[in-house]
Amino acid sequence: MTPLLWAVIAGAGAAGAVLRHELTTRADDGLTALHLINVAGAGLLGLLLAAAPGATVAGAGAAGVLGAFTSFSTWVVQARGRPPVRDLALPMAAAIVAAMLGTLAGRALGGTP
């Protein structure tokens, strides 16, 4: 990977983290906002990786904007002590389904078979 690509990924990651921070701190319920962010990010990553496979796209998407936009570690820490089905199991299942649907959509758009 070139230094320029590293810089692009780092800048994209910073942008994704700032966007996540802004959305979660401005929301009435930061944990619910984080659930929605993680589900949307998982779906978009599935779409991106299936529609345009390749090291550059995967690196920029996963380690860049969407990798920093989603935050499963923050989600697990914030969900401690809350109802496990509502705040752990359901959001994880929703993110997995979103990633699968995103992948199917990416394939339908002419990506990987």
Protein backbone atom coordinates (compact mmCIF):
# COMPACT_ATOMS: atom_id res chain seq x y z
CA MET A 1 0.00 0.00 0.00
CA THR A 2 1.27 3.41 -0.87
CA PRO A 3 1.71 6.23 1.65
CA LEU A 4 -1.00 8.17 -0.18
CA LEU A 5 -3.50 5.33 0.26
CA TRP A 6 -2.61 5.09 3.95
CA ALA A 7 -3.23 8.82 4.30
CA VAL A 8 -6.58 8.55 2.52
CA ILE A 9 -7.68 5.68 4.77
CA ALA A 10 -6.56 7.55 7.90
CA GLY A 11 -8.40 10.70 6.83
CA ALA A 12 -11.51 8.72 5.96
CA GLY A 13 -11.34 6.96 9.31
CA ALA A 14 -11.11 10.26 11.12
CA ALA A 15 -14.15 11.54 9.22
CA GLY A 16 -16.14 8.39 10.06
CA ALA A 17 -15.28 8.62 13.77
CA VAL A 18 -16.22 12.30 13.94
CA LEU A 19 -19.52 11.61 12.18
CA ARG A 20 -20.33 8.79 14.62
CA HIS A 21 -19.43 10.99 17.59
CA GLU A 22 -21.64 13.81 16.36
CA LEU A 23 -24.61 11.55 15.71
CA THR A 24 -24.40 9.76 19.06
CA THR A 25 -23.85 12.89 21.16
CA ARG A 26 -26.68 14.82 19.50
CA ALA A 27 -29.19 11.98 19.81
CA ASP A 28 -31.61 11.73 22.73
CA ASP A 29 -30.47 8.14 23.28
CA GLY A 30 -26.86 7.63 22.23
CA LEU A 31 -27.07 3.85 22.45
CA THR A 32 -30.05 3.68 20.09
CA ALA A 33 -28.23 6.00 17.70
CA LEU A 34 -25.20 3.70 17.89
CA HIS A 35 -27.42 0.69 17.10
CA LEU A 36 -28.67 2.45 13.96
CA ILE A 37 -25.14 3.51 12.98
CA ASN A 38 -23.83 -0.04 13.33
CA VAL A 39 -26.69 -1.55 11.33
CA ALA A 40 -26.36 1.05 8.56
CA GLY A 41 -22.57 0.67 8.49
CA ALA A 42 -22.78 -3.12 8.29
CA GLY A 43 -25.20 -2.90 5.38
CA LEU A 44 -23.07 -0.35 3.55
CA LEU A 45 -19.93 -2.42 4.06
CA GLY A 46 -21.68 -5.49 2.66
CA LEU A 47 -22.80 -3.48 -0.35
CA LEU A 48 -19.38 -1.93 -0.90
CA LEU A 49 -17.45 -5.17 -0.65
CA ALA A 50 -19.79 -7.10 -2.93
CA ALA A 51 -20.32 -4.39 -5.55
CA ALA A 52 -16.69 -3.33 -5.92
CA PRO A 53 -14.31 -5.96 -4.57
CA GLY A 54 -10.62 -5.26 -4.35
CA ALA A 55 -7.94 -4.41 -1.85
CA THR A 56 -8.23 -0.65 -2.33
CA VAL A 57 -12.00 -0.52 -1.97
CA ALA A 58 -12.04 -2.99 0.91
CA GLY A 59 -9.29 -1.12 2.73
CA ALA A 60 -10.86 2.28 2.22
CA GLY A 61 -14.31 1.06 3.21
CA ALA A 62 -13.51 -1.23 6.11
CA ALA A 63 -10.58 0.62 7.65
CA GLY A 64 -11.71 4.02 6.52
CA VAL A 65 -15.00 5.79 6.81
CA LEU A 66 -17.30 2.87 7.59
CA GLY A 67 -14.81 1.09 9.83
CA ALA A 68 -14.54 4.14 12.06
CA PHE A 69 -18.20 5.08 11.64
CA THR A 70 -19.33 1.81 13.19
CA SER A 71 -18.24 0.97 16.71
CA PHE A 72 -19.10 -2.41 18.09
CA SER A 73 -16.71 -2.02 21.04
CA THR A 74 -18.39 1.22 22.19
CA TRP A 75 -21.76 -0.45 21.72
CA VAL A 76 -20.85 -3.38 23.98
CA VAL A 77 -19.49 -1.08 26.69
CA GLN A 78 -22.55 1.20 26.59
CA ALA A 79 -24.93 -1.78 26.63
CA ARG A 80 -23.51 -3.18 29.89
CA GLY A 81 -26.21 -3.54 32.50
CA ARG A 82 -29.02 -3.04 29.98
CA PRO A 83 -31.46 -5.71 28.76
CA PRO A 84 -29.29 -8.19 26.84
CA VAL A 85 -31.85 -9.17 24.22
CA ARG A 86 -32.84 -5.59 23.37
CA ASP A 87 -29.42 -4.00 23.56
CA LEU A 88 -27.09 -6.84 22.55
CA ALA A 89 -28.76 -9.69 20.67
CA LEU A 90 -31.24 -7.74 18.53
CA PRO A 91 -28.76 -5.07 17.32
CA MET A 92 -26.19 -7.77 16.48
CA ALA A 93 -28.77 -9.80 14.55
CA ALA A 94 -29.92 -6.65 12.74
CA ALA A 95 -26.33 -5.80 11.76
CA ILE A 96 -25.75 -9.32 10.43
CA VAL A 97 -28.97 -9.18 8.39
CA ALA A 98 -28.04 -5.72 7.09
CA ALA A 99 -24.61 -6.98 6.00
CA MET A 100 -26.22 -9.92 4.21
CA LEU A 101 -28.77 -7.69 2.48
CA GLY A 102 -26.04 -5.24 1.52
CA THR A 103 -24.01 -8.08 0.04
CA LEU A 104 -27.00 -9.33 -1.95
CA ALA A 105 -27.66 -5.80 -3.22
CA GLY A 106 -24.02 -5.43 -4.23
CA ARG A 107 -24.14 -8.69 -6.14
CA ALA A 108 -27.36 -7.59 -7.84
CA LEU A 109 -25.58 -4.42 -8.97
CA GLY A 110 -23.08 -6.56 -10.85
CA GLY A 111 -20.50 -7.21 -8.16
CA THR A 112 -19.07 -10.52 -7.12
CA PRO A 113 -21.22 -13.60 -7.80
